[in-house]
C-alpha atoms as a PDB file:
ATOM      1  CA  MET A   1       0.000   0.000   0.000  1.00  0.00           C
ATOM      2  CA  ARG A   2       1.290   3.433  -0.912  1.00  0.00           C
ATOM      3  CA  ASP A   3       1.626   6.101   1.766  1.00  0.00           C
ATOM      4  CA  PRO A   4      -0.975   8.812   1.039  1.00  0.00           C
ATOM      5  CA  LYS A   5       1.443  11.574   2.020  1.00  0.00           C
ATOM      6  CA  PRO A   6       2.888  13.738   0.554  1.00  0.00           C
ATOM      7  CA  LEU A   7       0.012  13.610  -1.902  1.00  0.00           C
ATOM      8  CA  PRO A   8      -1.975  16.850  -1.576  1.00  0.00           C
ATOM      9  CA  ASP A   9      -5.326  15.175  -2.255  1.00  0.00           C
ATOM     10  CA  ILE A  10      -6.817  15.470   1.233  1.00  0.00           C
ATOM     11  CA  TYR A  11      -6.083  19.187   1.373  1.00  0.00           C
ATOM     12  CA  LEU A  12      -7.417  19.816  -2.117  1.00  0.00           C
ATOM     13  CA  HIS A  13     -10.566  17.772  -1.457  1.00  0.00           C
ATOM     14  CA  THR A  14     -11.243  19.532   1.840  1.00  0.00           C
ATOM     15  CA  ALA A  15     -10.797  22.995   0.338  1.00  0.00           C
ATOM     16  CA  LYS A  16     -13.139  22.045  -2.501  1.00  0.00           C
ATOM     17  CA  CYS A  17     -15.778  20.726  -0.069  1.00  0.00           C
ATOM     18  CA  LEU A  18     -15.576  23.954   1.912  1.00  0.00           C
ATOM     19  CA  ASP A  19     -15.603  26.034  -1.265  1.00  0.00           C
ATOM     20  CA  ALA A  20     -12.387  27.646  -0.035  1.00  0.00           C
ATOM     21  CA  ASP A  21      -9.354  28.796  -1.937  1.00  0.00           C
ATOM     22  CA  VAL A  22      -6.554  26.458  -0.890  1.00  0.00           C
ATOM     23  CA  SER A  23      -4.182  29.419  -0.584  1.00  0.00           C
ATOM     24  CA  ASP A  24      -6.457  30.811   2.159  1.00  0.00           C
ATOM     25  CA  CYS A  25      -6.246  27.608   4.206  1.00  0.00           C
ATOM     26  CA  VAL A  26      -4.061  26.770   7.201  1.00  0.00           C
ATOM     27  CA  ALA A  27      -2.489  23.370   7.823  1.00  0.00           C
ATOM     28  CA  VAL A  28      -1.068  22.180  11.123  1.00  0.00           C
ATOM     29  CA  GLU A  29       1.321  19.278  10.675  1.00  0.00           C
ATOM     30  CA  ASP A  30       3.757  17.357  12.861  1.00  0.00           C
ATOM     31  CA  SER A  31       5.398  15.270  10.133  1.00  0.00           C
ATOM     32  CA  LEU A  32       7.669  16.021   7.205  1.00  0.00           C
ATOM     33  CA  SER A  33       5.369  14.186   4.818  1.00  0.00           C
ATOM     34  CA  GLY A  34       2.385  16.161   6.087  1.00  0.00           C
ATOM     35  CA  VAL A  35       4.180  19.470   5.574  1.00  0.00           C
ATOM     36  CA  ARG A  36       5.228  18.355   2.100  1.00  0.00           C
ATOM     37  CA  ALA A  37       1.619  17.453   1.269  1.00  0.00           C
ATOM     38  CA  ALA A  38       0.453  20.882   2.433  1.00  0.00           C
ATOM     39  CA  VAL A  39       3.162  22.552   0.333  1.00  0.00           C
ATOM     40  CA  ALA A  40       2.196  20.453  -2.712  1.00  0.00           C
ATOM     41  CA  ALA A  41      -1.443  21.497  -2.251  1.00  0.00           C
ATOM     42  CA  GLY A  42      -0.549  25.183  -2.124  1.00  0.00           C
ATOM     43  CA  ILE A  43      -1.777  25.725   1.432  1.00  0.00           C
ATOM     44  CA  GLY A  44      -1.317  29.388   2.267  1.00  0.00           C
ATOM     45  CA  HIS A  45      -0.054  29.008   5.823  1.00  0.00           C
ATOM     46  CA  ILE A  46       1.613  25.878   7.177  1.00  0.00           C
ATOM     47  CA  ILE A  47       2.284  25.532  10.887  1.00  0.00           C
ATOM     48  CA  GLY A  48       4.553  22.808  12.182  1.00  0.00           C
ATOM     49  CA  TYR A  49       3.775  21.255  15.544  1.00  0.00           C
ATOM     50  CA  VAL A  50       6.468  19.674  17.709  1.00  0.00           C
ATOM     51  CA  GLY A  51       4.635  19.380  21.022  1.00  0.00           C
ATOM     52  CA  GLY A  52       3.167  15.912  20.608  1.00  0.00           C
ATOM     53  CA  THR A  53       3.998  13.273  23.178  1.00  0.00           C
ATOM     54  CA  HIS A  54       5.598  11.177  20.434  1.00  0.00           C
ATOM     55  CA  ILE A  55       8.309  13.845  20.017  1.00  0.00           C
ATOM     56  CA  SER A  56      10.895  13.872  22.808  1.00  0.00           C
ATOM     57  CA  GLU A  57      12.173  17.107  24.317  1.00  0.00           C
ATOM     58  CA  ASP A  58      15.612  16.382  22.835  1.00  0.00           C
ATOM     59  CA  GLU A  59      14.154  15.919  19.357  1.00  0.00           C
ATOM     60  CA  ARG A  60      11.967  19.048  19.230  1.00  0.00           C
ATOM     61  CA  SER A  61      14.577  21.538  18.021  1.00  0.00           C
ATOM     62  CA  SER A  62      15.827  19.386  15.161  1.00  0.00           C
ATOM     63  CA  ARG A  63      12.258  18.390  14.256  1.00  0.00           C
ATOM     64  CA  ALA A  64      11.272  22.078  14.149  1.00  0.00           C
ATOM     65  CA  ASP A  65      14.205  22.833  11.835  1.00  0.00           C
ATOM     66  CA  ASN A  66      13.251  19.926   9.576  1.00  0.00           C
ATOM     67  CA  LEU A  67       9.599  21.004   9.394  1.00  0.00           C
ATOM     68  CA  GLN A  68      10.653  24.525   8.439  1.00  0.00           C
ATOM     69  CA  SER A  69      13.064  23.167   5.830  1.00  0.00           C
ATOM     70  CA  ALA A  70      10.177  21.148   4.375  1.00  0.00           C
ATOM     71  CA  GLY A  71       8.028  24.278   4.075  1.00  0.00           C
ATOM     72  CA  ALA A  72       6.380  25.071   7.420  1.00  0.00           C
ATOM     73  CA  HIS A  73       6.097  28.832   7.854  1.00  0.00           C
ATOM     74  CA  GLN A  74       6.101  28.659  11.643  1.00  0.00           C
ATOM     75  CA  VAL A  75       6.538  25.983  14.296  1.00  0.00           C
ATOM     76  CA  ILE A  76       4.815  25.749  17.663  1.00  0.00           C
ATOM     77  CA  GLU A  77       5.363  23.530  20.692  1.00  0.00           C
ATOM     78  CA  ARG A  78       2.014  24.141  22.381  1.00  0.00           C
ATOM     79  CA  MET A  79      -1.401  23.955  20.751  1.00  0.00           C
ATOM     80  CA  HIS A  80      -2.368  26.901  22.927  1.00  0.00           C
ATOM     81  CA  ASP A  81      -0.041  29.019  20.745  1.00  0.00           C
ATOM     82  CA  LEU A  82      -2.103  28.136  17.676  1.00  0.00           C
ATOM     83  CA  ILE A  83      -4.901  30.467  18.734  1.00  0.00           C
ATOM     84  CA  GLY A  84      -2.631  33.516  18.667  1.00  0.00           C
ATOM     85  CA  LEU A  85      -1.144  32.529  15.320  1.00  0.00           C
ATOM     86  CA  LEU A  86      -4.525  32.018  13.711  1.00  0.00           C
ATOM     87  CA  SER A  87      -5.868  35.338  14.961  1.00  0.00           C
ATOM     88  CA  ALA A  88      -2.705  37.081  13.659  1.00  0.00           C
ATOM     89  CA  THR A  89      -2.685  35.309  10.271  1.00  0.00           C
ATOM     90  CA  PRO A  90      -4.058  37.566   7.528  1.00  0.00           C
ATOM     91  CA  VAL A  91      -6.908  36.059   5.523  1.00  0.00           C
END
């Protein structure tokens, strides 16, 4: 079975269902393949997340760098920080 990421299909389908321009959408991803899928879809704002329990404290900095290298515009460690980013992100 082929891994569905980094295919952009889920992002494109969701934007279509919501009648939204994909460039106006925000994606929150914790994996390189997820960020790459969001980039391939043309998502307007991609936020990396490194605060999951599956990511050790020691791994967070390098994971954040990798997510940004893959195309994440910003990286957060706490979901609480997402609220501020979303309210500050121009639509």
